Amino acid sequence: DYMGDPRTFNAYLRFFLPWNLYRLTRLFQG
């Protein structure tokens, strides 16, 4: 449930989510 902690979840949204969007959009385009 690490996503349930506000501090951890905000870190995920601000950093790991955007990097995942970059990875996925590079793949999805092809």
Full PDB file with SEQRES, HELIX, SHEET, SSBOND, CRYST1, ORIGX, SCALE, CONECT and MASTER records, all heavy atoms in Angstrom:
SEQRES   1 A   30  ASP TYR MET GLY ASP PRO ARG THR PHE ASN ALA TYR LEU          
SEQRES   2 A   30  ARG PHE PHE LEU PRO TRP ASN LEU TYR ARG LEU THR ARG          
SEQRES   3 A   30  LEU PHE GLN GLY                                              
HELIX    1 AA1 TYR A    2  GLY A    4  5                                   3    
HELIX    2 AA2 PRO A    6  ALA A   11  1                                   6    
HELIX    3 AA3 TYR A   12  PHE A   16  3                                   5    
HELIX    4 AA4 LEU A   17  GLN A   29  1                                  13    
CRYST1    1.000    1.000    1.000  90.00  90.00  90.00 P 1           1          
ORIGX1      1.000000  0.000000  0.000000        0.00000                         
ORIGX2      0.000000  1.000000  0.000000        0.00000                         
ORIGX3      0.000000  0.000000  1.000000        0.00000                         
SCALE1      1.000000  0.000000  0.000000        0.00000                         
SCALE2      0.000000  1.000000  0.000000        0.00000                         
SCALE3      0.000000  0.000000  1.000000        0.00000                         
ATOM      1  N   ASP A   1       0.818  -1.207   0.000  1.00  0.00           N  
ATOM      2  CA  ASP A   1       0.000   0.000   0.000  1.00  0.00           C  
ATOM      3  C   ASP A   1       0.856   1.262   0.000  1.00  0.00           C  
ATOM      4  O   ASP A   1       0.443   2.301   0.529  1.00  0.00           O  
ATOM      5  CB  ASP A   1      -0.947   0.005   1.199  1.00  0.00           C  
ATOM      6  CG  ASP A   1      -0.188  -0.015   2.521  1.00  0.00           C  
ATOM      7  OD1 ASP A   1       1.009  -0.353   2.508  1.00  0.00           O  
ATOM      8  OD2 ASP A   1      -0.799   0.304   3.564  1.00  0.00           O  
ATOM      9  N   TYR A   2       2.068   1.185  -0.575  1.00  0.00           N  
ATOM     10  CA  TYR A   2       2.954   2.358  -0.525  1.00  0.00           C  
ATOM     11  C   TYR A   2       2.347   3.555  -1.236  1.00  0.00           C  
ATOM     12  O   TYR A   2       2.684   4.704  -0.960  1.00  0.00           O  
ATOM     13  CB  TYR A   2       4.330   2.016  -1.094  1.00  0.00           C  
ATOM     14  CG  TYR A   2       4.392   1.787  -2.589  1.00  0.00           C  
ATOM     15  CD1 TYR A   2       4.675   2.832  -3.463  1.00  0.00           C  
ATOM     16  CD2 TYR A   2       4.204   0.521  -3.122  1.00  0.00           C  
ATOM     17  CE1 TYR A   2       4.753   2.623  -4.826  1.00  0.00           C  
ATOM     18  CE2 TYR A   2       4.283   0.305  -4.482  1.00  0.00           C  
ATOM     19  CZ  TYR A   2       4.558   1.354  -5.336  1.00  0.00           C  
ATOM     20  OH  TYR A   2       4.627   1.126  -6.687  1.00  0.00           O  
ATOM     21  N   MET A   3       1.422   3.322  -2.162  1.00  0.00           N  
ATOM     22  CA  MET A   3       0.755   4.422  -2.849  1.00  0.00           C  
ATOM     23  C   MET A   3      -0.226   5.150  -1.935  1.00  0.00           C  
ATOM     24  O   MET A   3      -0.690   6.240  -2.250  1.00  0.00           O  
ATOM     25  CB  MET A   3       0.001   3.897  -4.077  1.00  0.00           C  
ATOM     26  CG  MET A   3       0.910   3.506  -5.228  1.00  0.00           C  
ATOM     27  SD  MET A   3       1.530   4.928  -6.096  1.00  0.00           S  
ATOM     28  CE  MET A   3       1.724   4.262  -7.727  1.00  0.00           C  
ATOM     29  N   GLY A   4      -0.567   4.530  -0.799  1.00  0.00           N  
ATOM     30  CA  GLY A   4      -1.516   5.160   0.108  1.00  0.00           C  
ATOM     31  C   GLY A   4      -0.907   6.231   0.976  1.00  0.00           C  
ATOM     32  O   GLY A   4      -1.628   7.042   1.569  1.00  0.00           O  
ATOM     33  N   ASP A   5       0.418   6.264   1.084  1.00  0.00           N  
ATOM     34  CA  ASP A   5       1.090   7.286   1.890  1.00  0.00           C  
ATOM     35  C   ASP A   5       1.190   8.573   1.077  1.00  0.00           C  
ATOM     36  O   ASP A   5       1.721   8.573  -0.042  1.00  0.00           O  
ATOM     37  CB  ASP A   5       2.489   6.794   2.269  1.00  0.00           C  
ATOM     38  CG  ASP A   5       3.266   7.841   3.048  1.00  0.00           C  
ATOM     39  OD1 ASP A   5       2.894   8.108   4.190  1.00  0.00           O  
ATOM     40  OD2 ASP A   5       4.233   8.403   2.476  1.00  0.00           O  
ATOM     41  N   PRO A   6       0.687   9.718   1.600  1.00  0.00           N  
ATOM     42  CA  PRO A   6       0.664  10.967   0.825  1.00  0.00           C  
ATOM     43  C   PRO A   6       2.047  11.403   0.341  1.00  0.00           C  
ATOM     44  O   PRO A   6       2.211  11.834  -0.799  1.00  0.00           O  
ATOM     45  CB  PRO A   6       0.060  11.986   1.796  1.00  0.00           C  
ATOM     46  CG  PRO A   6      -0.732  11.164   2.753  1.00  0.00           C  
ATOM     47  CD  PRO A   6       0.016   9.883   2.897  1.00  0.00           C  
ATOM     48  N   ARG A   7       3.048  11.309   1.214  1.00  0.00           N  
ATOM     49  CA  ARG A   7       4.397  11.739   0.826  1.00  0.00           C  
ATOM     50  C   ARG A   7       4.925  10.883  -0.329  1.00  0.00           C  
ATOM     51  O   ARG A   7       5.465  11.396  -1.317  1.00  0.00           O  
ATOM     52  CB  ARG A   7       5.333  11.638   2.031  1.00  0.00           C  
ATOM     53  CG  ARG A   7       6.759  12.116   1.761  1.00  0.00           C  
ATOM     54  CD  ARG A   7       7.576  12.069   3.055  1.00  0.00           C  
ATOM     55  NE  ARG A   7       8.923  12.588   2.879  1.00  0.00           N  
ATOM     56  CZ  ARG A   7       9.972  11.844   2.519  1.00  0.00           C  
ATOM     57  NH1 ARG A   7       9.799  10.550   2.273  1.00  0.00           N  
ATOM     58  NH2 ARG A   7      11.171  12.396   2.388  1.00  0.00           N  
ATOM     59  N   THR A   8       4.768   9.581  -0.212  1.00  0.00           N  
ATOM     60  CA  THR A   8       5.249   8.672  -1.250  1.00  0.00           C  
ATOM     61  C   THR A   8       4.451   8.839  -2.536  1.00  0.00           C  
ATOM     62  O   THR A   8       5.017   8.838  -3.643  1.00  0.00           O  
ATOM     63  CB  THR A   8       5.143   7.215  -0.752  1.00  0.00           C  
ATOM     64  OG1 THR A   8       5.906   7.069   0.440  1.00  0.00           O  
ATOM     65  CG2 THR A   8       5.653   6.240  -1.792  1.00  0.00           C  
ATOM     66  N   PHE A   9       3.137   9.008  -2.395  1.00  0.00           N  
ATOM     67  CA  PHE A   9       2.298   9.122  -3.583  1.00  0.00           C  
ATOM     68  C   PHE A   9       2.599  10.404  -4.356  1.00  0.00           C  
ATOM     69  O   PHE A   9       2.656  10.406  -5.585  1.00  0.00           O  
ATOM     70  CB  PHE A   9       0.817   9.078  -3.185  1.00  0.00           C  
ATOM     71  CG  PHE A   9      -0.119   9.069  -4.355  1.00  0.00           C  
ATOM     72  CD1 PHE A   9      -0.069   8.058  -5.304  1.00  0.00           C  
ATOM     73  CD2 PHE A   9      -1.062  10.075  -4.533  1.00  0.00           C  
ATOM     74  CE1 PHE A   9      -0.929   8.043  -6.391  1.00  0.00           C  
ATOM     75  CE2 PHE A   9      -1.917  10.071  -5.613  1.00  0.00           C  
ATOM     76  CZ  PHE A   9      -1.848   9.056  -6.540  1.00  0.00           C  
ATOM     77  N   ASN A  10       2.816  11.513  -3.641  1.00  0.00           N  
ATOM     78  CA  ASN A  10       3.178  12.761  -4.316  1.00  0.00           C  
ATOM     79  C   ASN A  10       4.505  12.619  -5.061  1.00  0.00           C  
ATOM     80  O   ASN A  10       4.676  13.161  -6.161  1.00  0.00           O  
ATOM     81  CB  ASN A  10       3.266  13.902  -3.306  1.00  0.00           C  
ATOM     82  CG  ASN A  10       1.901  14.400  -2.860  1.00  0.00           C  
ATOM     83  OD1 ASN A  10       0.942  14.360  -3.632  1.00  0.00           O  
ATOM     84  ND2 ASN A  10       1.798  14.850  -1.618  1.00  0.00           N  
ATOM     85  N   ALA A  11       5.452  11.896  -4.456  1.00  0.00           N  
ATOM     86  CA  ALA A  11       6.731  11.655  -5.124  1.00  0.00           C  
ATOM     87  C   ALA A  11       6.524  10.844  -6.398  1.00  0.00           C  
ATOM     88  O   ALA A  11       7.153  11.109  -7.430  1.00  0.00           O  
ATOM     89  CB  ALA A  11       7.684  10.934  -4.176  1.00  0.00           C  
ATOM     90  N   TYR A  12       5.632   9.872  -6.321  1.00  0.00           N  
ATOM     91  CA  TYR A  12       5.353   9.048  -7.506  1.00  0.00           C  
ATOM     92  C   TYR A  12       4.733   9.894  -8.617  1.00  0.00           C  
ATOM     93  O   TYR A  12       5.120   9.803  -9.783  1.00  0.00           O  
ATOM     94  CB  TYR A  12       4.422   7.892  -7.133  1.00  0.00           C  
ATOM     95  CG  TYR A  12       4.237   6.898  -8.256  1.00  0.00           C  
ATOM     96  CD1 TYR A  12       5.091   5.809  -8.385  1.00  0.00           C  
ATOM     97  CD2 TYR A  12       3.215   7.059  -9.198  1.00  0.00           C  
ATOM     98  CE1 TYR A  12       4.933   4.899  -9.431  1.00  0.00           C  
ATOM     99  CE2 TYR A  12       3.061   6.162 -10.238  1.00  0.00           C  
ATOM    100  CZ  TYR A  12       3.915   5.089 -10.348  1.00  0.00           C  
ATOM    101  OH  TYR A  12       3.766   4.204 -11.381  1.00  0.00           O  
ATOM    102  N   LEU A  13       3.754  10.729  -8.261  1.00  0.00           N  
ATOM    103  CA  LEU A  13       3.073  11.541  -9.268  1.00  0.00           C  
ATOM    104  C   LEU A  13       4.032  12.519  -9.937  1.00  0.00           C  
ATOM    105  O   LEU A  13       3.941  12.758 -11.152  1.00  0.00           O  
ATOM    106  CB  LEU A  13       1.919  12.320  -8.633  1.00  0.00           C  
ATOM    107  CG  LEU A  13       0.684  11.544  -8.193  1.00  0.00           C  
ATOM    108  CD1 LEU A  13      -0.379  12.522  -7.690  1.00  0.00           C  
ATOM    109  CD2 LEU A  13       0.114  10.696  -9.313  1.00  0.00           C  
ATOM    110  N   ARG A  14       4.941  13.098  -9.181  1.00  0.00           N  
ATOM    111  CA  ARG A  14       5.798  14.173  -9.701  1.00  0.00           C  
ATOM    112  C   ARG A  14       6.992  13.656 -10.479  1.00  0.00           C  
ATOM    113  O   ARG A  14       7.574  14.407 -11.264  1.00  0.00           O  
ATOM    114  CB  ARG A  14       6.290  15.042  -8.536  1.00  0.00           C  
ATOM    115  CG  ARG A  14       5.193  15.808  -7.840  1.00  0.00           C  
ATOM    116  CD  ARG A  14       4.774  17.009  -8.658  1.00  0.00           C  
ATOM    117  NE  ARG A  14       3.468  17.513  -8.240  1.00  0.00           N  
ATOM    118  CZ  ARG A  14       2.968  18.663  -8.639  1.00  0.00           C  
ATOM    119  NH1 ARG A  14       3.664  19.418  -9.474  1.00  0.00           N  
ATOM    120  NH2 ARG A  14       1.773  19.048  -8.242  1.00  0.00           N  
ATOM    121  N   PHE A  15       7.383  12.420 -10.269  1.00  0.00           N  
ATOM    122  CA  PHE A  15       8.613  11.936 -10.894  1.00  0.00           C  
ATOM    123  C   PHE A  15       8.408  10.635 -11.673  1.00  0.00           C  
ATOM    124  O   PHE A  15       8.644  10.582 -12.881  1.00  0.00           O  
ATOM    125  CB  PHE A  15       9.691  11.748  -9.822  1.00  0.00           C  
ATOM    126  CG  PHE A  15      11.057  11.458 -10.373  1.00  0.00           C  
ATOM    127  CD1 PHE A  15      11.868  12.487 -10.831  1.00  0.00           C  
ATOM    128  CD2 PHE A  15      11.555  10.162 -10.429  1.00  0.00           C  
ATOM    129  CE1 PHE A  15      13.136  12.232 -11.342  1.00  0.00           C  
ATOM    130  CE2 PHE A  15      12.813   9.891 -10.937  1.00  0.00           C  
ATOM    131  CZ  PHE A  15      13.602  10.934 -11.392  1.00  0.00           C  
ATOM    132  N   PHE A  16       7.946   9.602 -11.001  1.00  0.00           N  
ATOM    133  CA  PHE A  16       7.875   8.295 -11.643  1.00  0.00           C  
ATOM    134  C   PHE A  16       6.747   8.222 -12.664  1.00  0.00           C  
ATOM    135  O   PHE A  16       6.903   7.585 -13.719  1.00  0.00           O  
ATOM    136  CB  PHE A  16       7.729   7.201 -10.579  1.00  0.00           C  
ATOM    137  CG  PHE A  16       8.921   7.107  -9.674  1.00  0.00           C  
ATOM    138  CD1 PHE A  16       8.955   7.795  -8.471  1.00  0.00           C  
ATOM    139  CD2 PHE A  16      10.027   6.370 -10.035  1.00  0.00           C  
ATOM    140  CE1 PHE A  16      10.055   7.742  -7.637  1.00  0.00           C  
ATOM    141  CE2 PHE A  16      11.142   6.298  -9.212  1.00  0.00           C  
ATOM    142  CZ  PHE A  16      11.160   6.988  -8.012  1.00  0.00           C  
ATOM    143  N   LEU A  17       5.630   8.859 -12.390  1.00  0.00           N  
ATOM    144  CA  LEU A  17       4.541   8.898 -13.371  1.00  0.00           C  
ATOM    145  C   LEU A  17       4.972   9.584 -14.667  1.00  0.00           C  
ATOM    146  O   LEU A  17       4.777   9.032 -15.753  1.00  0.00           O  
ATOM    147  CB  LEU A  17       3.316   9.581 -12.763  1.00  0.00           C  
ATOM    148  CG  LEU A  17       2.171   9.922 -13.729  1.00  0.00           C  
ATOM    149  CD1 LEU A  17       1.634   8.680 -14.417  1.00  0.00           C  
ATOM    150  CD2 LEU A  17       1.055  10.663 -13.017  1.00  0.00           C  
ATOM    151  N   PRO A  18       5.563  10.788 -14.629  1.00  0.00           N  
ATOM    152  CA  PRO A  18       5.988  11.411 -15.889  1.00  0.00           C  
ATOM    153  C   PRO A  18       7.031  10.600 -16.653  1.00  0.00           C  
ATOM    154  O   PRO A  18       6.987  10.537 -17.887  1.00  0.00           O  
ATOM    155  CB  PRO A  18       6.559  12.760 -15.444  1.00  0.00           C  
ATOM    156  CG  PRO A  18       5.930  13.029 -14.118  1.00  0.00           C  
ATOM    157  CD  PRO A  18       5.747  11.699 -13.484  1.00  0.00           C  
ATOM    158  N   TRP A  19       7.982   9.966 -15.939  1.00  0.00           N  
ATOM    159  CA  TRP A  19       8.953   9.137 -16.637  1.00  0.00           C  
ATOM    160  C   TRP A  19       8.272   7.930 -17.279  1.00  0.00           C  
ATOM    161  O   TRP A  19       8.625   7.512 -18.389  1.00  0.00           O  
ATOM    162  CB  TRP A  19      10.066   8.674 -15.693  1.00  0.00           C  
ATOM    163  CG  TRP A  19      11.170   9.662 -15.513  1.00  0.00           C  
ATOM    164  CD1 TRP A  19      11.524  10.315 -14.373  1.00  0.00           C  
ATOM    165  CD2 TRP A  19      12.081  10.138 -16.521  1.00  0.00           C  
ATOM    166  NE1 TRP A  19      12.581  11.152 -14.591  1.00  0.00           N  
ATOM    167  CE2 TRP A  19      12.946  11.069 -15.905  1.00  0.00           C  
ATOM    168  CE3 TRP A  19      12.237   9.870 -17.883  1.00  0.00           C  
ATOM    169  CZ2 TRP A  19      13.966  11.720 -16.610  1.00  0.00           C  
ATOM    170  CZ3 TRP A  19      13.241  10.525 -18.582  1.00  0.00           C  
ATOM    171  CH2 TRP A  19      14.099  11.430 -17.953  1.00  0.00           C  
ATOM    172  N   ASN A  20       7.292   7.356 -16.590  1.00  0.00           N  
ATOM    173  CA  ASN A  20       6.551   6.244 -17.187  1.00  0.00           C  
ATOM    174  C   ASN A  20       5.755   6.704 -18.404  1.00  0.00           C  
ATOM    175  O   ASN A  20       5.637   5.974 -19.395  1.00  0.00           O  
ATOM    176  CB  ASN A  20       5.618   5.611 -16.154  1.00  0.00           C  
ATOM    177  CG  ASN A  20       6.350   4.709 -15.186  1.00  0.00           C  
ATOM    178  OD1 ASN A  20       7.382   4.129 -15.521  1.00  0.00           O  
ATOM    179  ND2 ASN A  20       5.837   4.597 -13.975  1.00  0.00           N  
ATOM    180  N   LEU A  21       5.196   7.910 -18.352  1.00  0.00           N  
ATOM    181  CA  LEU A  21       4.496   8.446 -19.523  1.00  0.00           C  
ATOM    182  C   LEU A  21       5.450   8.576 -20.711  1.00  0.00           C  
ATOM    183  O   LEU A  21       5.092   8.260 -21.848  1.00  0.00           O  
ATOM    184  CB  LEU A  21       3.874   9.800 -19.196  1.00  0.00           C  
ATOM    185  CG  LEU A  21       2.630   9.804 -18.310  1.00  0.00           C  
ATOM    186  CD1 LEU A  21       2.202  11.237 -18.006  1.00  0.00           C  
ATOM    187  CD2 LEU A  21       1.484   9.042 -18.971  1.00  0.00           C  
ATOM    188  N   TYR A  22       6.662   9.033 -20.448  1.00  0.00           N  
ATOM    189  CA  TYR A  22       7.643   9.160 -21.530  1.00  0.00           C  
ATOM    190  C   TYR A  22       7.974   7.790 -22.121  1.00  0.00           C  
ATOM    191  O   TYR A  22       8.009   7.615 -23.349  1.00  0.00           O  
ATOM    192  CB  TYR A  22       8.906   9.835 -21.003  1.00  0.00           C  
ATOM    193  CG  TYR A  22      10.005   9.941 -22.030  1.00  0.00           C  
ATOM    194  CD1 TYR A  22       9.878  10.776 -23.135  1.00  0.00           C  
ATOM    195  CD2 TYR A  22      11.176   9.185 -21.906  1.00  0.00           C  
ATOM    196  CE1 TYR A  22      10.886  10.871 -24.084  1.00  0.00           C  
ATOM    197  CE2 TYR A  22      12.191   9.280 -22.852  1.00  0.00           C  
ATOM    198  CZ  TYR A  22      12.039  10.115 -23.932  1.00  0.00           C  
ATOM    199  OH  TYR A  22      13.034  10.200 -24.876  1.00  0.00           O  
ATOM    200  N   ARG A  23       8.219   6.797 -21.260  1.00  0.00           N  
ATOM    201  CA  ARG A  23       8.535   5.449 -21.746  1.00  0.00           C  
ATOM    202  C   ARG A  23       7.373   4.874 -22.559  1.00  0.00           C  
ATOM    203  O   ARG A  23       7.561   4.331 -23.650  1.00  0.00           O  
ATOM    204  CB  ARG A  23       8.845   4.516 -20.561  1.00  0.00           C  
ATOM    205  CG  ARG A  23      10.128   4.831 -19.841  1.00  0.00           C  
ATOM    206  CD  ARG A  23      10.199   4.093 -18.512  1.00  0.00           C  
ATOM    207  NE  ARG A  23      10.239   2.650 -18.657  1.00  0.00           N  
ATOM    208  CZ  ARG A  23       9.370   1.808 -18.142  1.00  0.00           C  
ATOM    209  NH1 ARG A  23       8.351   2.263 -17.419  1.00  0.00           N  
ATOM    210  NH2 ARG A  23       9.486   0.517 -18.304  1.00  0.00           N  
ATOM    211  N   LEU A  24       6.166   4.985 -22.016  1.00  0.00           N  
ATOM    212  CA  LEU A  24       5.020   4.371 -22.684  1.00  0.00           C  
ATOM    213  C   LEU A  24       4.678   5.075 -23.991  1.00  0.00           C  
ATOM    214  O   LEU A  24       4.309   4.409 -24.976  1.00  0.00           O  
ATOM    215  CB  LEU A  24       3.807   4.370 -21.752  1.00  0.00           C  
ATOM    216  CG  LEU A  24       3.911   3.520 -20.480  1.00  0.00           C  
ATOM    217  CD1 LEU A  24       2.581   3.516 -19.736  1.00  0.00           C  
ATOM    218  CD2 LEU A  24       4.336   2.095 -20.789  1.00  0.00           C  
ATOM    219  N   THR A  25       4.766   6.407 -24.022  1.00  0.00           N  
ATOM    220  CA  THR A  25       4.438   7.095 -25.274  1.00  0.00           C  
ATOM    221  C   THR A  25       5.445   6.760 -26.364  1.00  0.00           C  
ATOM    222  O   THR A  25       5.075   6.649 -27.540  1.00  0.00           O  
ATOM    223  CB  THR A  25       4.370   8.617 -25.071  1.00  0.00           C  
ATOM    224  OG1 THR A  25       5.573   9.078 -24.439  1.00  0.00           O  
ATOM    225  CG2 THR A  25       3.179   9.006 -24.214  1.00  0.00           C  
ATOM    226  N   ARG A  26       6.719   6.571 -26.010  1.00  0.00           N  
ATOM    227  CA  ARG A  26       7.709   6.175 -27.004  1.00  0.00           C  
ATOM    228  C   ARG A  26       7.354   4.813 -27.596  1.00  0.00           C  
ATOM    229  O   ARG A  26       7.483   4.591 -28.805  1.00  0.00           O  
ATOM    230  CB  ARG A  26       9.109   6.119 -26.382  1.00  0.00           C  
ATOM    231  CG  ARG A  26       9.770   7.461 -26.132  1.00  0.00           C  
ATOM    232  CD  ARG A  26      10.145   8.192 -27.404  1.00  0.00           C  
ATOM    233  NE  ARG A  26      11.151   7.521 -28.206  1.00  0.00           N  
ATOM    234  CZ  ARG A  26      12.456   7.760 -28.168  1.00  0.00           C  
ATOM    235  NH1 ARG A  26      12.924   8.660 -27.309  1.00  0.00           N  
ATOM    236  NH2 ARG A  26      13.281   7.130 -28.972  1.00  0.00           N  
ATOM    237  N   LEU A  27       6.898   3.889 -26.745  1.00  0.00           N  
ATOM    238  CA  LEU A  27       6.514   2.559 -27.236  1.00  0.00           C  
ATOM    239  C   LEU A  27       5.194   2.601 -27.990  1.00  0.00           C  
ATOM    240  O   LEU A  27       5.068   2.037 -29.089  1.00  0.00           O  
ATOM    241  CB  LEU A  27       6.416   1.578 -26.062  1.00  0.00           C  
ATOM    242  CG  LEU A  27       5.927   0.159 -26.405  1.00  0.00           C  
ATOM    243  CD1 LEU A  27       6.882  -0.529 -27.365  1.00  0.00           C  
ATOM    244  CD2 LEU A  27       5.746  -0.670 -25.142  1.00  0.00           C  
ATOM    245  N   PHE A  28       4.187   3.280 -27.430  1.00  0.00           N  
ATOM    246  CA  PHE A  28       2.857   3.290 -28.041  1.00  0.00           C  
ATOM    247  C   PHE A  28       2.867   3.902 -29.438  1.00  0.00           C  
ATOM    248  O   PHE A  28       2.092   3.496 -30.301  1.00  0.00           O  
ATOM    249  CB  PHE A  28       1.873   4.060 -27.153  1.00  0.00           C  
ATOM    250  CG  PHE A  28       1.500   3.346 -25.876  1.00  0.00           C  
ATOM    251  CD1 PHE A  28       0.743   3.984 -24.897  1.00  0.00           C  
ATOM    252  CD2 PHE A  28       1.906   2.048 -25.639  1.00  0.00           C  
ATOM    253  CE1 PHE A  28       0.396   3.339 -23.720  1.00  0.00           C  
ATOM    254  CE2 PHE A  28       1.566   1.388 -24.465  1.00  0.00           C  
ATOM    255  CZ  PHE A  28       0.811   2.035 -23.507  1.00  0.00           C  
ATOM    256  N   GLN A  29       3.739   4.899 -29.665  1.00  0.00           N  
ATOM    257  CA  GLN A  29       3.792   5.516 -30.985  1.00  0.00           C  
ATOM    258  C   GLN A  29       4.159   4.507 -32.066  1.00  0.00           C  
ATOM    259  O   GLN A  29       3.729   4.631 -33.219  1.00  0.00           O  
ATOM    260  CB  GLN A  29       4.823   6.659 -31.005  1.00  0.00           C  
ATOM    261  CG  GLN A  29       4.317   7.944 -30.417  1.00  0.00           C  
ATOM    262  CD  GLN A  29       5.298   9.071 -30.661  1.00  0.00           C  
ATOM    263  OE1 GLN A  29       4.905  10.156 -31.062  1.00  0.00           O  
ATOM    264  NE2 GLN A  29       6.575   8.834 -30.428  1.00  0.00           N  
ATOM    265  N   GLY A  30       4.955   3.501 -31.720  1.00  0.00           N  
ATOM    266  CA  GLY A  30       5.378   2.502 -32.690  1.00  0.00           C  
ATOM    267  C   GLY A  30       4.468   1.302 -32.782  1.00  0.00           C  
ATOM    268  O   GLY A  30       4.739   0.385 -33.567  1.00  0.00           O  
TER     269      GLY A  30                                                      
MASTER        0    0    0    4    0    0    0    6  268    1    0    3          
END                                                                             
